[in-house]
N, C-alpha and C. Protein backbone atom coordinates (compact mmCIF):
# COMPACT_ATOMS: atom_id res chain seq x y z
N MET A 1 27.88 3.89 -52.57
CA MET A 1 28.21 2.88 -51.52
C MET A 1 27.90 3.79 -50.10
N ARG A 2 27.57 5.30 -50.09
CA ARG A 2 26.97 5.85 -48.93
C ARG A 2 24.89 5.33 -48.76
N TRP A 3 24.73 5.86 -49.59
CA TRP A 3 23.31 5.39 -49.29
C TRP A 3 22.55 4.43 -49.32
N PRO A 4 23.57 2.89 -49.28
CA PRO A 4 23.01 1.85 -48.61
C PRO A 4 22.90 1.54 -47.01
N VAL A 5 24.26 2.44 -46.53
CA VAL A 5 24.58 2.80 -44.80
C VAL A 5 23.37 3.83 -44.15
N ILE A 6 22.93 4.74 -45.13
CA ILE A 6 21.81 5.39 -44.82
C ILE A 6 20.50 5.11 -44.60
N VAL A 7 20.36 3.99 -45.53
CA VAL A 7 19.22 3.14 -45.93
C VAL A 7 19.07 2.05 -44.51
N LEU A 8 20.18 1.40 -43.72
CA LEU A 8 19.84 0.59 -43.28
C LEU A 8 19.98 1.64 -41.78
N ALA A 9 20.38 2.56 -41.80
CA ALA A 9 21.03 3.04 -40.47
C ALA A 9 18.89 3.38 -40.22
N VAL A 10 18.48 3.89 -41.21
CA VAL A 10 17.24 4.40 -41.30
C VAL A 10 16.16 3.25 -40.90
N LEU A 11 16.64 2.41 -41.29
CA LEU A 11 16.11 0.90 -40.99
C LEU A 11 15.90 0.32 -39.71
N VAL A 12 16.91 0.84 -39.17
CA VAL A 12 17.16 0.40 -37.72
C VAL A 12 16.83 1.34 -36.80
N ILE A 13 16.49 2.52 -37.06
CA ILE A 13 15.68 3.41 -36.33
C ILE A 13 14.34 2.91 -36.58
N VAL A 14 13.64 2.57 -37.88
CA VAL A 14 12.30 2.36 -37.66
C VAL A 14 12.03 1.63 -36.93
N LEU A 15 12.82 0.24 -36.79
CA LEU A 15 12.86 -0.58 -36.37
C LEU A 15 12.66 -0.55 -34.56
N GLN A 16 13.54 -0.13 -34.10
CA GLN A 16 14.15 -0.24 -32.62
C GLN A 16 12.37 0.73 -32.59
N TYR A 17 11.75 1.35 -33.06
CA TYR A 17 11.08 2.72 -32.70
C TYR A 17 10.02 1.94 -31.60
N PRO A 18 9.30 1.32 -32.07
CA PRO A 18 7.99 0.73 -31.42
C PRO A 18 8.79 -0.33 -30.62
N LEU A 19 9.99 -1.11 -30.38
CA LEU A 19 10.07 -1.80 -29.10
C LEU A 19 10.39 -0.47 -27.78
N TRP A 20 10.90 0.10 -28.33
CA TRP A 20 11.25 1.48 -27.45
C TRP A 20 9.95 2.48 -26.61
N LEU A 21 9.75 2.78 -27.77
CA LEU A 21 8.63 4.00 -27.73
C LEU A 21 6.97 3.49 -28.02
N GLY A 22 6.89 2.71 -28.30
CA GLY A 22 5.32 2.14 -28.92
C GLY A 22 4.54 1.46 -27.72
N LYS A 23 3.30 0.99 -27.95
CA LYS A 23 2.51 1.09 -27.11
C LYS A 23 2.97 -0.56 -26.14
N GLY A 24 3.81 -1.30 -26.59
CA GLY A 24 3.75 -2.23 -25.56
C GLY A 24 5.85 -2.44 -25.36
N GLY A 25 6.11 -1.21 -25.72
CA GLY A 25 6.85 -1.00 -25.75
C GLY A 25 8.09 -0.64 -24.07
N TRP A 26 9.30 -1.47 -24.44
CA TRP A 26 10.54 -1.31 -22.78
C TRP A 26 10.02 0.25 -21.91
N LEU A 27 9.50 1.08 -22.20
CA LEU A 27 9.31 2.23 -21.46
C LEU A 27 8.23 2.24 -20.73
N ARG A 28 7.29 1.23 -21.27
CA ARG A 28 6.28 1.48 -21.38
C ARG A 28 5.85 -0.10 -20.26
N VAL A 29 6.86 -1.12 -20.14
CA VAL A 29 6.82 -2.58 -19.38
C VAL A 29 7.83 -1.95 -18.25
N TRP A 30 8.46 -0.96 -18.14
CA TRP A 30 9.18 -0.23 -17.01
C TRP A 30 8.62 0.15 -16.15
N ASP A 31 7.43 1.47 -16.85
CA ASP A 31 6.79 1.96 -15.79
C ASP A 31 5.44 1.22 -15.12
N VAL A 32 5.19 0.01 -16.31
CA VAL A 32 4.14 -0.61 -15.45
C VAL A 32 4.49 -1.49 -14.47
N ASP A 33 5.66 -1.70 -14.42
CA ASP A 33 6.41 -2.69 -13.42
C ASP A 33 6.70 -1.90 -12.33
N ARG A 34 7.04 -0.69 -12.23
CA ARG A 34 7.09 0.50 -11.06
C ARG A 34 6.03 0.21 -10.82
N GLN A 35 4.55 0.45 -11.06
CA GLN A 35 3.54 0.44 -10.54
C GLN A 35 3.21 -0.81 -10.16
N LEU A 36 3.50 -2.01 -10.32
CA LEU A 36 2.80 -2.96 -9.87
C LEU A 36 4.11 -3.36 -8.69
N HIS A 37 4.87 -2.79 -8.74
CA HIS A 37 5.68 -2.63 -7.20
C HIS A 37 4.86 -1.99 -6.45
N ALA A 38 4.92 -0.93 -6.61
CA ALA A 38 4.09 0.45 -5.41
C ALA A 38 2.93 -0.52 -4.88
N GLN A 39 2.04 -0.91 -6.33
CA GLN A 39 0.86 -1.07 -5.64
C GLN A 39 1.02 -2.82 -4.71
N ARG A 40 1.79 -3.57 -4.91
CA ARG A 40 2.23 -4.58 -4.32
C ARG A 40 2.45 -4.12 -2.33
N GLU A 41 3.34 -3.24 -2.63
CA GLU A 41 3.81 -2.63 -1.26
C GLU A 41 2.30 -2.53 -0.68
N ARG A 42 1.68 -1.96 -1.38
CA ARG A 42 0.18 -1.04 -0.58
C ARG A 42 -0.30 -2.28 -0.55
N ASN A 43 -0.84 -3.34 -1.01
CA ASN A 43 -1.85 -4.21 -0.79
C ASN A 43 -1.05 -5.12 0.53
N GLN A 44 0.31 -5.08 0.62
CA GLN A 44 0.95 -5.68 1.78
C GLN A 44 0.56 -4.90 2.94
N GLU A 45 0.54 -3.62 3.00
CA GLU A 45 0.53 -2.90 4.40
C GLU A 45 -0.98 -2.78 4.43
N LEU A 46 -1.80 -2.68 3.50
CA LEU A 46 -3.31 -3.28 3.58
C LEU A 46 -3.82 -4.40 4.01
N GLU A 47 -2.93 -6.13 3.88
CA GLU A 47 -3.34 -6.87 4.76
C GLU A 47 -2.71 -6.66 6.55
N GLN A 48 -1.93 -6.44 6.79
CA GLN A 48 -1.54 -6.30 8.15
C GLN A 48 -2.78 -5.44 8.59
N ARG A 49 -2.59 -4.53 8.07
CA ARG A 49 -4.26 -3.36 8.30
C ARG A 49 -5.16 -4.42 8.69
N ASN A 50 -5.94 -5.28 8.13
CA ASN A 50 -6.66 -6.00 8.24
C ASN A 50 -6.80 -7.07 9.23
N ALA A 51 -5.29 -7.64 9.40
CA ALA A 51 -5.15 -9.01 10.26
C ALA A 51 -5.29 -7.99 11.18
N GLY A 52 -4.94 -7.06 11.69
CA GLY A 52 -4.84 -6.24 13.11
C GLY A 52 -6.40 -6.02 13.52
N LEU A 53 -7.12 -5.45 12.24
CA LEU A 53 -8.26 -5.38 12.57
C LEU A 53 -9.08 -6.71 12.84
N GLU A 54 -8.79 -7.91 11.86
CA GLU A 54 -9.59 -9.46 11.94
C GLU A 54 -8.99 -9.61 13.74
N ALA A 55 -8.10 -9.81 13.58
CA ALA A 55 -7.78 -10.02 15.67
C ALA A 55 -8.32 -9.10 16.42
N GLU A 56 -8.69 -7.95 16.26
CA GLU A 56 -9.38 -6.81 17.22
C GLU A 56 -10.59 -7.50 17.41
N VAL A 57 -11.49 -7.96 16.14
CA VAL A 57 -12.93 -8.23 16.16
C VAL A 57 -13.14 -9.92 16.90
N ARG A 58 -11.99 -10.42 16.54
CA ARG A 58 -11.80 -11.50 17.09
C ARG A 58 -12.01 -11.43 18.72
N ASP A 59 -11.27 -10.20 19.01
CA ASP A 59 -10.92 -10.33 20.48
C ASP A 59 -12.23 -9.57 21.05
N LEU A 60 -12.89 -8.70 20.42
CA LEU A 60 -13.96 -8.26 20.84
C LEU A 60 -15.20 -9.41 20.81
N LYS A 61 -15.88 -10.07 20.16
CA LYS A 61 -16.41 -11.24 20.14
C LYS A 61 -15.93 -12.27 21.20
N SER A 62 -15.05 -12.20 21.31
CA SER A 62 -14.71 -13.51 22.63
C SER A 62 -14.61 -13.27 23.25
N GLY A 63 -14.31 -12.16 24.04
CA GLY A 63 -14.71 -11.94 25.40
C GLY A 63 -14.92 -9.93 26.07
N ASN A 64 -15.06 -10.45 27.25
CA ASN A 64 -15.32 -9.09 27.58
C ASN A 64 -14.00 -7.98 28.27
N GLU A 65 -12.93 -8.76 28.03
CA GLU A 65 -11.78 -7.76 28.71
C GLU A 65 -11.57 -6.95 27.40
N ALA A 66 -11.52 -7.32 26.23
CA ALA A 66 -11.60 -6.73 25.26
C ALA A 66 -12.59 -5.09 24.90
N ILE A 67 -13.38 -5.16 25.53
CA ILE A 67 -14.31 -4.74 25.59
C ILE A 67 -14.44 -3.60 26.76
N GLU A 68 -13.94 -4.02 27.45
CA GLU A 68 -14.08 -3.49 29.40
C GLU A 68 -12.66 -2.49 28.97
N GLU A 69 -11.59 -2.56 28.02
CA GLU A 69 -10.70 -2.25 28.01
C GLU A 69 -10.46 -0.84 26.78
N ARG A 70 -11.68 -0.72 25.84
CA ARG A 70 -11.84 -0.34 25.03
C ARG A 70 -12.93 0.68 25.95
N GLY A 71 -13.87 0.26 26.47
CA GLY A 71 -15.00 1.16 27.10
C GLY A 71 -13.73 2.22 28.13
N ARG A 72 -12.63 1.98 29.07
CA ARG A 72 -12.22 2.32 29.64
C ARG A 72 -11.43 3.51 28.97
N PHE A 73 -10.36 3.34 28.03
CA PHE A 73 -9.85 4.23 27.40
C PHE A 73 -10.43 4.84 26.58
N GLU A 74 -11.01 4.55 25.85
CA GLU A 74 -11.64 5.59 24.43
C GLU A 74 -13.23 6.18 24.94
N LEU A 75 -13.72 5.52 26.20
CA LEU A 75 -15.22 6.05 26.67
C LEU A 75 -14.72 6.71 28.23
N GLY A 76 -13.76 6.31 28.95
CA GLY A 76 -13.75 6.79 30.40
C GLY A 76 -14.57 5.80 30.66
N LEU A 77 -14.99 4.83 31.05
CA LEU A 77 -16.02 4.49 31.64
C LEU A 77 -14.97 4.26 32.89
N THR A 78 -16.03 3.78 34.14
CA THR A 78 -15.56 3.14 35.13
C THR A 78 -16.57 1.99 35.72
N LYS A 79 -15.47 1.23 36.88
CA LYS A 79 -16.32 0.22 37.20
C LYS A 79 -17.43 0.91 38.77
N PRO A 80 -18.15 0.99 39.14
CA PRO A 80 -18.92 1.29 40.20
C PRO A 80 -17.94 1.42 41.16
N ASN A 81 -18.00 2.45 41.63
CA ASN A 81 -16.91 2.59 43.16
C ASN A 81 -15.58 2.76 42.76
N GLU A 82 -15.47 3.05 41.39
CA GLU A 82 -14.04 3.55 41.02
C GLU A 82 -14.00 4.64 40.83
N ILE A 83 -13.08 5.44 41.17
CA ILE A 83 -12.59 6.62 40.71
C ILE A 83 -11.53 6.95 39.40
N PHE A 84 -12.13 7.86 38.10
CA PHE A 84 -11.53 8.10 37.18
C PHE A 84 -10.85 9.57 37.68
N VAL A 85 -9.38 9.29 36.51
CA VAL A 85 -8.80 10.48 37.09
C VAL A 85 -8.16 10.36 35.75
N HIS A 86 -8.05 11.28 35.08
CA HIS A 86 -7.50 11.71 34.09
C HIS A 86 -6.47 13.29 33.84
N ILE A 87 -5.37 12.85 33.46
CA ILE A 87 -4.12 13.65 33.51
C ILE A 87 -3.90 13.93 32.08
N PRO A 88 -3.89 15.28 31.71
CA PRO A 88 -3.67 15.60 30.28
C PRO A 88 -2.15 15.90 29.92
N LYS A 89 -2.05 15.59 28.45
CA LYS A 89 -0.79 15.25 28.02
C LYS A 89 -0.17 16.86 27.64
N LYS A 90 1.08 16.84 28.17
CA LYS A 90 2.00 18.43 27.91
C LYS A 90 1.78 18.26 26.64
N PRO A 91 1.75 19.57 25.95
CA PRO A 91 1.30 20.27 24.64
C PRO A 91 3.07 20.24 23.84
C-alpha cells in the first residue's frame, strides 16, 4: 500500500517538472512577460522622443523662427545692431 503512493508522488513530480522548470515552463513565461513589459515601456519612451524630434524637424523646415531661435540660444548669434549679454548661472 505504501509504494503505490510513493510511485504516484514521484510521477506527479516528474510531470510537474517541465511545467515549472522546462524550456517553455511558467518561470520562463513570467520572465519573458517581464521583459516584454520593460521593452514596451522603452518603446513608448522612444516614440515620444521621436514625436518631439519630428515636430522639431517640421518647425525647422517650415519657418525661420525655429532656426533663428536655435541660432540665438545654442550659438549665441545676434541680429545686426543687437547686443548679446550672457549671464552665467551660479554653480
